[in-house]
Amino acid sequence: MSDNLNRPRVGVGVMILKDGKALFGKRLDSHGAGEWCSPGGHMEYMESFEQCAKRETMEEAGIEIENVRFLNLINLKDYPPKHYVHITLVADWKSGEPRVMEPHKIAEWQWFDLNNPPNPLFATAPKYFEALKTG
């Protein structure tokens, strides 16, 4: 195993809210394939959490977000050998219609009622809902 696999990476996910719904995409890539997730990805060097969330959302779904704020922190070890420190943010939809920008990673984007999320969820997503409810 290479040295990079022996170190956690930093991932940022952003739960985007619009009219009582949250945006989820159906994953196609190696870990979590077939599961529904929020936009997100790897943090880049010298990037803020907010910059990462806005960039990843635009790259993956082609939409703009605003009012980006912290939601939770997750030690994600559900998809070995990958290990992530996952920073979750929550944001409000600002503009644009979600569209698949990376068809090799996401099959589709849909808005789901917060009380009726899609299934199956990516491992981080249940923790998003818990954090929204408990603060």
N, C-alpha and C. Protein backbone atom coordinates (compact mmCIF):
# COMPACT_ATOMS: atom_id res chain seq x y z
N MET A 1 0.85 -1.18 0.00
CA MET A 1 0.00 0.00 0.00
C MET A 1 0.89 1.24 0.00
N SER A 2 0.56 2.18 -0.85
CA SER A 2 1.38 3.39 -0.92
C SER A 2 1.18 4.24 0.33
N ASP A 3 2.11 5.12 0.55
CA ASP A 3 2.05 6.00 1.71
C ASP A 3 0.78 6.85 1.70
N ASN A 4 0.31 7.28 0.51
CA ASN A 4 -0.89 8.11 0.43
C ASN A 4 -2.12 7.39 0.95
N LEU A 5 -2.20 6.08 0.77
CA LEU A 5 -3.35 5.33 1.27
C LEU A 5 -3.29 5.13 2.77
N ASN A 6 -2.13 5.36 3.37
CA ASN A 6 -1.98 5.21 4.80
C ASN A 6 -2.24 6.51 5.55
N ARG A 7 -2.69 7.53 4.85
CA ARG A 7 -2.99 8.81 5.48
C ARG A 7 -4.40 9.25 5.11
N PRO A 8 -5.12 9.78 6.10
CA PRO A 8 -6.46 10.30 5.77
C PRO A 8 -6.36 11.49 4.82
N ARG A 9 -7.33 11.62 3.94
CA ARG A 9 -7.43 12.76 3.04
C ARG A 9 -8.54 13.66 3.56
N VAL A 10 -8.56 14.91 3.10
CA VAL A 10 -9.60 15.85 3.51
C VAL A 10 -10.66 15.94 2.42
N GLY A 11 -11.89 15.62 2.81
CA GLY A 11 -13.02 15.73 1.90
C GLY A 11 -14.00 16.76 2.44
N VAL A 12 -14.66 17.46 1.54
CA VAL A 12 -15.67 18.44 1.91
C VAL A 12 -16.95 18.08 1.19
N GLY A 13 -18.03 17.98 1.95
CA GLY A 13 -19.35 17.74 1.38
C GLY A 13 -20.25 18.91 1.73
N VAL A 14 -21.22 19.19 0.86
CA VAL A 14 -22.11 20.33 1.12
C VAL A 14 -23.56 19.92 0.87
N MET A 15 -24.33 20.00 1.93
CA MET A 15 -25.76 19.72 1.84
C MET A 15 -26.44 21.01 1.40
N ILE A 16 -27.03 20.99 0.21
CA ILE A 16 -27.62 22.18 -0.38
C ILE A 16 -29.13 22.14 -0.19
N LEU A 17 -29.65 23.21 0.39
CA LEU A 17 -31.08 23.28 0.71
C LEU A 17 -31.81 24.26 -0.19
N LYS A 18 -33.03 23.86 -0.59
CA LYS A 18 -33.89 24.72 -1.41
C LYS A 18 -35.34 24.31 -1.16
N ASP A 19 -36.13 25.22 -0.63
CA ASP A 19 -37.57 24.99 -0.44
C ASP A 19 -37.87 23.69 0.33
N GLY A 20 -37.14 23.46 1.42
CA GLY A 20 -37.38 22.28 2.25
C GLY A 20 -36.86 20.99 1.65
N LYS A 21 -36.03 21.10 0.61
CA LYS A 21 -35.46 19.92 -0.03
C LYS A 21 -33.94 20.01 -0.05
N ALA A 22 -33.30 18.86 -0.21
CA ALA A 22 -31.84 18.80 -0.30
C ALA A 22 -31.45 18.12 -1.61
N LEU A 23 -30.34 18.56 -2.17
CA LEU A 23 -29.84 18.02 -3.44
C LEU A 23 -28.97 16.79 -3.21
N PHE A 24 -29.29 15.72 -3.93
CA PHE A 24 -28.49 14.49 -3.87
C PHE A 24 -28.23 13.98 -5.27
N GLY A 25 -27.05 13.40 -5.46
CA GLY A 25 -26.66 12.78 -6.72
C GLY A 25 -26.40 11.31 -6.52
N LYS A 26 -26.70 10.52 -7.54
CA LYS A 26 -26.47 9.07 -7.48
C LYS A 26 -25.06 8.78 -7.97
N ARG A 27 -24.23 8.24 -7.07
CA ARG A 27 -22.81 8.01 -7.32
C ARG A 27 -22.57 6.86 -8.30
N LEU A 28 -21.54 7.03 -9.11
CA LEU A 28 -21.12 5.99 -10.04
C LEU A 28 -19.70 5.50 -9.75
N ASP A 29 -18.94 6.24 -8.95
CA ASP A 29 -17.53 5.90 -8.78
C ASP A 29 -17.31 4.76 -7.80
N SER A 30 -16.06 4.42 -7.59
CA SER A 30 -15.67 3.20 -6.90
C SER A 30 -16.21 3.05 -5.48
N HIS A 31 -16.12 4.08 -4.67
CA HIS A 31 -16.66 3.91 -3.32
C HIS A 31 -18.02 4.58 -3.21
N GLY A 32 -18.99 3.79 -2.80
CA GLY A 32 -20.35 4.28 -2.68
C GLY A 32 -21.13 4.26 -3.98
N ALA A 33 -20.72 3.48 -4.95
CA ALA A 33 -21.44 3.39 -6.23
C ALA A 33 -22.88 2.98 -5.96
N GLY A 34 -23.82 3.70 -6.58
CA GLY A 34 -25.24 3.42 -6.40
C GLY A 34 -25.87 4.13 -5.21
N GLU A 35 -25.05 4.76 -4.39
CA GLU A 35 -25.55 5.49 -3.21
C GLU A 35 -25.75 6.96 -3.56
N TRP A 36 -26.65 7.60 -2.83
CA TRP A 36 -26.97 9.02 -3.04
C TRP A 36 -26.13 9.89 -2.10
N CYS A 37 -25.55 10.96 -2.66
CA CYS A 37 -24.66 11.83 -1.88
C CYS A 37 -24.91 13.29 -2.24
N SER A 38 -24.40 14.15 -1.41
CA SER A 38 -24.38 15.59 -1.69
C SER A 38 -23.13 15.92 -2.51
N PRO A 39 -23.10 17.08 -3.16
CA PRO A 39 -21.88 17.47 -3.85
C PRO A 39 -20.71 17.56 -2.88
N GLY A 40 -19.53 17.33 -3.40
CA GLY A 40 -18.34 17.43 -2.56
C GLY A 40 -17.14 16.82 -3.22
N GLY A 41 -16.02 16.94 -2.54
CA GLY A 41 -14.79 16.37 -3.08
C GLY A 41 -13.59 16.74 -2.23
N HIS A 42 -12.43 16.59 -2.83
CA HIS A 42 -11.18 16.85 -2.12
C HIS A 42 -10.91 18.34 -2.00
N MET A 43 -10.45 18.72 -0.83
CA MET A 43 -10.03 20.09 -0.60
C MET A 43 -8.69 20.31 -1.31
N GLU A 44 -8.56 21.45 -1.97
CA GLU A 44 -7.32 21.80 -2.65
C GLU A 44 -6.43 22.64 -1.74
N TYR A 45 -5.15 22.66 -2.06
CA TYR A 45 -4.16 23.38 -1.27
C TYR A 45 -4.52 24.86 -1.14
N MET A 46 -4.52 25.35 0.08
CA MET A 46 -4.77 26.75 0.45
C MET A 46 -6.21 27.21 0.19
N GLU A 47 -7.12 26.28 0.02
CA GLU A 47 -8.52 26.60 -0.23
C GLU A 47 -9.27 26.64 1.10
N SER A 48 -10.23 27.55 1.22
CA SER A 48 -11.09 27.58 2.42
C SER A 48 -12.18 26.52 2.25
N PHE A 49 -12.84 26.18 3.35
CA PHE A 49 -13.95 25.23 3.28
C PHE A 49 -15.04 25.75 2.35
N GLU A 50 -15.36 27.04 2.49
CA GLU A 50 -16.40 27.64 1.66
C GLU A 50 -16.01 27.64 0.18
N GLN A 51 -14.76 27.99 -0.12
CA GLN A 51 -14.30 27.97 -1.51
C GLN A 51 -14.41 26.56 -2.10
N CYS A 52 -14.02 25.57 -1.32
CA CYS A 52 -14.09 24.18 -1.77
C CYS A 52 -15.55 23.80 -2.05
N ALA A 53 -16.45 24.13 -1.15
CA ALA A 53 -17.87 23.79 -1.32
C ALA A 53 -18.44 24.44 -2.58
N LYS A 54 -18.14 25.71 -2.79
CA LYS A 54 -18.65 26.41 -3.97
C LYS A 54 -18.06 25.85 -5.25
N ARG A 55 -16.76 25.57 -5.25
CA ARG A 55 -16.09 25.02 -6.43
C ARG A 55 -16.64 23.64 -6.77
N GLU A 56 -16.70 22.76 -5.77
CA GLU A 56 -17.17 21.39 -6.02
C GLU A 56 -18.62 21.38 -6.50
N THR A 57 -19.46 22.24 -5.91
CA THR A 57 -20.86 22.31 -6.32
C THR A 57 -20.98 22.75 -7.77
N MET A 58 -20.21 23.74 -8.17
CA MET A 58 -20.24 24.20 -9.56
C MET A 58 -19.68 23.13 -10.50
N GLU A 59 -18.56 22.50 -10.11
CA GLU A 59 -17.95 21.48 -10.97
C GLU A 59 -18.86 20.26 -11.14
N GLU A 60 -19.56 19.87 -10.09
CA GLU A 60 -20.35 18.64 -10.13
C GLU A 60 -21.79 18.84 -10.59
N ALA A 61 -22.43 19.95 -10.15
CA ALA A 61 -23.86 20.14 -10.42
C ALA A 61 -24.17 21.41 -11.22
N GLY A 62 -23.19 22.27 -11.44
CA GLY A 62 -23.40 23.46 -12.25
C GLY A 62 -24.30 24.51 -11.63
N ILE A 63 -24.36 24.54 -10.28
CA ILE A 63 -25.21 25.53 -9.61
C ILE A 63 -24.39 26.38 -8.64
N GLU A 64 -24.95 27.53 -8.28
CA GLU A 64 -24.32 28.41 -7.31
C GLU A 64 -25.01 28.26 -5.96
N ILE A 65 -24.21 28.39 -4.90
CA ILE A 65 -24.72 28.31 -3.53
C ILE A 65 -24.33 29.56 -2.77
N GLU A 66 -25.02 29.79 -1.64
CA GLU A 66 -24.71 30.93 -0.77
C GLU A 66 -24.99 30.53 0.67
N ASN A 67 -24.64 31.42 1.59
CA ASN A 67 -24.88 31.20 3.02
C ASN A 67 -24.27 29.86 3.48
N VAL A 68 -23.03 29.65 3.11
CA VAL A 68 -22.32 28.40 3.44
C VAL A 68 -21.91 28.42 4.90
N ARG A 69 -22.25 27.35 5.63
CA ARG A 69 -21.92 27.28 7.06
C ARG A 69 -21.60 25.84 7.47
N PHE A 70 -20.92 25.71 8.59
CA PHE A 70 -20.48 24.40 9.10
C PHE A 70 -21.68 23.57 9.55
N LEU A 71 -21.64 22.26 9.24
CA LEU A 71 -22.67 21.34 9.71
C LEU A 71 -22.09 20.29 10.65
N ASN A 72 -21.06 19.55 10.21
CA ASN A 72 -20.44 18.57 11.10
C ASN A 72 -19.09 18.11 10.57
N LEU A 73 -18.44 17.30 11.38
CA LEU A 73 -17.14 16.73 11.06
C LEU A 73 -17.25 15.22 11.24
N ILE A 74 -16.78 14.47 10.24
CA ILE A 74 -16.94 13.01 10.26
C ILE A 74 -15.58 12.35 10.02
N ASN A 75 -15.27 11.34 10.81
CA ASN A 75 -14.10 10.50 10.59
C ASN A 75 -14.59 9.32 9.75
N LEU A 76 -14.48 9.44 8.43
CA LEU A 76 -15.09 8.50 7.49
C LEU A 76 -14.15 7.34 7.16
N LYS A 77 -14.50 6.17 7.68
CA LYS A 77 -13.71 4.95 7.46
C LYS A 77 -14.59 3.83 6.89
N ASP A 78 -15.75 4.19 6.31
CA ASP A 78 -16.73 3.21 5.84
C ASP A 78 -16.36 2.55 4.52
N TYR A 79 -15.37 3.08 3.80
CA TYR A 79 -15.02 2.55 2.48
C TYR A 79 -13.53 2.22 2.41
N PRO A 80 -13.06 1.24 3.23
CA PRO A 80 -11.64 0.92 3.23
C PRO A 80 -11.18 0.46 1.84
N PRO A 81 -9.93 0.75 1.49
CA PRO A 81 -8.88 1.31 2.35
C PRO A 81 -8.90 2.83 2.43
N LYS A 82 -9.93 3.46 1.83
CA LYS A 82 -9.99 4.93 1.88
C LYS A 82 -10.38 5.40 3.27
N HIS A 83 -9.76 6.50 3.69
CA HIS A 83 -10.01 7.10 5.00
C HIS A 83 -10.01 8.61 4.82
N TYR A 84 -11.10 9.24 5.21
CA TYR A 84 -11.26 10.69 5.04
C TYR A 84 -11.61 11.38 6.34
N VAL A 85 -11.07 12.57 6.51
CA VAL A 85 -11.61 13.53 7.46
C VAL A 85 -12.59 14.33 6.61
N HIS A 86 -13.87 14.18 6.91
CA HIS A 86 -14.94 14.74 6.08
C HIS A 86 -15.57 15.94 6.77
N ILE A 87 -15.43 17.10 6.17
CA ILE A 87 -16.00 18.33 6.70
C ILE A 87 -17.29 18.58 5.95
N THR A 88 -18.39 18.64 6.68
CA THR A 88 -19.68 18.85 6.05
C THR A 88 -20.15 20.28 6.28
N LEU A 89 -20.57 20.90 5.21
CA LEU A 89 -21.13 22.24 5.25
C LEU A 89 -22.58 22.15 4.79
N VAL A 90 -23.35 23.15 5.13
CA VAL A 90 -24.71 23.27 4.63
C VAL A 90 -24.80 24.63 3.96
N ALA A 91 -25.54 24.70 2.86
CA ALA A 91 -25.64 25.95 2.11
C ALA A 91 -27.03 26.07 1.50
N ASP A 92 -27.34 27.27 1.09
CA ASP A 92 -28.60 27.51 0.41
C ASP A 92 -28.35 27.61 -1.09
N TRP A 93 -29.28 27.07 -1.87
CA TRP A 93 -29.24 27.19 -3.32
C TRP A 93 -29.33 28.67 -3.69
N LYS A 94 -28.53 29.10 -4.65
CA LYS A 94 -28.57 30.50 -5.10
C LYS A 94 -29.12 30.61 -6.51
N SER A 95 -28.55 29.84 -7.46
CA SER A 95 -29.02 29.92 -8.84
C SER A 95 -28.59 28.70 -9.64
N GLY A 96 -29.31 28.49 -10.74
CA GLY A 96 -29.00 27.41 -11.66
C GLY A 96 -29.84 26.17 -11.41
N GLU A 97 -29.93 25.35 -12.44
CA GLU A 97 -30.62 24.06 -12.33
C GLU A 97 -29.56 22.97 -12.29
N PRO A 98 -29.65 22.05 -11.32
CA PRO A 98 -28.65 20.99 -11.23
C PRO A 98 -28.59 20.17 -12.51
N ARG A 99 -27.37 19.94 -12.96
CA ARG A 99 -27.16 19.09 -14.12
C ARG A 99 -25.90 18.27 -13.92
N VAL A 100 -25.83 17.15 -14.56
CA VAL A 100 -24.67 16.26 -14.42
C VAL A 100 -23.50 16.85 -15.20
N MET A 101 -22.50 17.29 -14.46
CA MET A 101 -21.31 17.90 -15.06
C MET A 101 -20.16 16.89 -15.17
N GLU A 102 -20.21 15.85 -14.34
CA GLU A 102 -19.18 14.81 -14.35
C GLU A 102 -19.87 13.45 -14.49
N PRO A 103 -20.25 13.09 -15.74
CA PRO A 103 -21.05 11.87 -15.94
C PRO A 103 -20.33 10.57 -15.57
N HIS A 104 -19.03 10.62 -15.38
CA HIS A 104 -18.30 9.44 -14.93
C HIS A 104 -18.39 9.26 -13.41
N LYS A 105 -18.90 10.30 -12.69
CA LYS A 105 -19.00 10.24 -11.23
C LYS A 105 -20.43 10.22 -10.72
N ILE A 106 -21.33 10.93 -11.39
CA ILE A 106 -22.71 11.07 -10.92
C ILE A 106 -23.67 10.77 -12.07
N ALA A 107 -24.67 9.92 -11.81
CA ALA A 107 -25.65 9.55 -12.84
C ALA A 107 -26.74 10.61 -12.99
N GLU A 108 -27.17 11.19 -11.87
CA GLU A 108 -28.26 12.17 -11.90
C GLU A 108 -28.27 12.96 -10.60
N TRP A 109 -28.88 14.14 -10.66
CA TRP A 109 -29.12 14.98 -9.48
C TRP A 109 -30.62 15.12 -9.30
N GLN A 110 -31.06 15.07 -8.03
CA GLN A 110 -32.48 15.28 -7.72
C GLN A 110 -32.61 16.00 -6.39
N TRP A 111 -33.68 16.78 -6.25
CA TRP A 111 -34.03 17.40 -4.98
C TRP A 111 -34.93 16.43 -4.23
N PHE A 112 -34.63 16.18 -2.96
CA PHE A 112 -35.41 15.28 -2.12
C PHE A 112 -35.90 16.01 -0.89
N ASP A 113 -37.15 15.74 -0.52
CA ASP A 113 -37.71 16.29 0.70
C ASP A 113 -36.85 15.86 1.88
N LEU A 114 -36.59 16.77 2.81
CA LEU A 114 -35.74 16.45 3.96
C LEU A 114 -36.32 15.32 4.81
N ASN A 115 -37.63 15.14 4.77
CA ASN A 115 -38.27 14.05 5.53
C ASN A 115 -38.39 12.76 4.74
N ASN A 116 -37.92 12.76 3.50
CA ASN A 116 -38.01 11.57 2.66
C ASN A 116 -36.76 11.46 1.78
N PRO A 117 -35.60 11.22 2.39
CA PRO A 117 -34.35 11.18 1.62
C PRO A 117 -34.29 9.93 0.73
N PRO A 118 -33.42 9.97 -0.26
CA PRO A 118 -33.27 8.81 -1.14
C PRO A 118 -32.62 7.64 -0.42
N ASN A 119 -32.65 6.48 -1.06
CA ASN A 119 -32.06 5.28 -0.49
C ASN A 119 -31.45 4.47 -1.63
N PRO A 120 -30.25 3.92 -1.43
CA PRO A 120 -29.39 4.00 -0.24
C PRO A 120 -28.59 5.31 -0.22
N LEU A 121 -28.27 5.75 0.99
CA LEU A 121 -27.49 6.97 1.18
C LEU A 121 -26.01 6.65 1.33
N PHE A 122 -25.16 7.53 0.82
CA PHE A 122 -23.73 7.49 1.07
C PHE A 122 -23.52 7.59 2.58
N ALA A 123 -22.47 6.98 3.10
CA ALA A 123 -22.27 6.84 4.55
C ALA A 123 -22.31 8.16 5.32
N THR A 124 -21.93 9.26 4.72
CA THR A 124 -21.93 10.54 5.44
C THR A 124 -23.33 11.12 5.60
N ALA A 125 -24.23 10.84 4.66
CA ALA A 125 -25.52 11.52 4.60
C ALA A 125 -26.42 11.34 5.83
N PRO A 126 -26.54 10.15 6.43
CA PRO A 126 -27.36 10.05 7.63
C PRO A 126 -26.86 10.97 8.75
N LYS A 127 -25.56 11.18 8.80
CA LYS A 127 -24.98 12.08 9.81
C LYS A 127 -25.33 13.53 9.50
N TYR A 128 -25.53 13.87 8.22
CA TYR A 128 -25.97 15.22 7.85
C TYR A 128 -27.34 15.49 8.45
N PHE A 129 -28.26 14.53 8.25
CA PHE A 129 -29.63 14.70 8.76
C PHE A 129 -29.66 14.79 10.27
N GLU A 130 -28.84 13.96 10.93
CA GLU A 130 -28.76 14.00 12.39
C GLU A 130 -28.26 15.37 12.86
N ALA A 131 -27.24 15.90 12.20
CA ALA A 131 -26.68 17.19 12.59
C ALA A 131 -27.68 18.33 12.34
N LEU A 132 -28.46 18.24 11.26
CA LEU A 132 -29.47 19.26 11.01
C LEU A 132 -30.52 19.28 12.13
N LYS A 133 -30.89 18.09 12.60
CA LYS A 133 -31.93 17.98 13.64
C LYS A 133 -31.41 18.39 15.02
N THR A 134 -30.16 18.02 15.32
CA THR A 134 -29.64 18.22 16.67
C THR A 134 -28.81 19.49 16.83
N GLY A 135 -28.36 20.06 15.71
CA GLY A 135 -27.53 21.26 15.79
C GLY A 135 -26.13 20.88 16.18
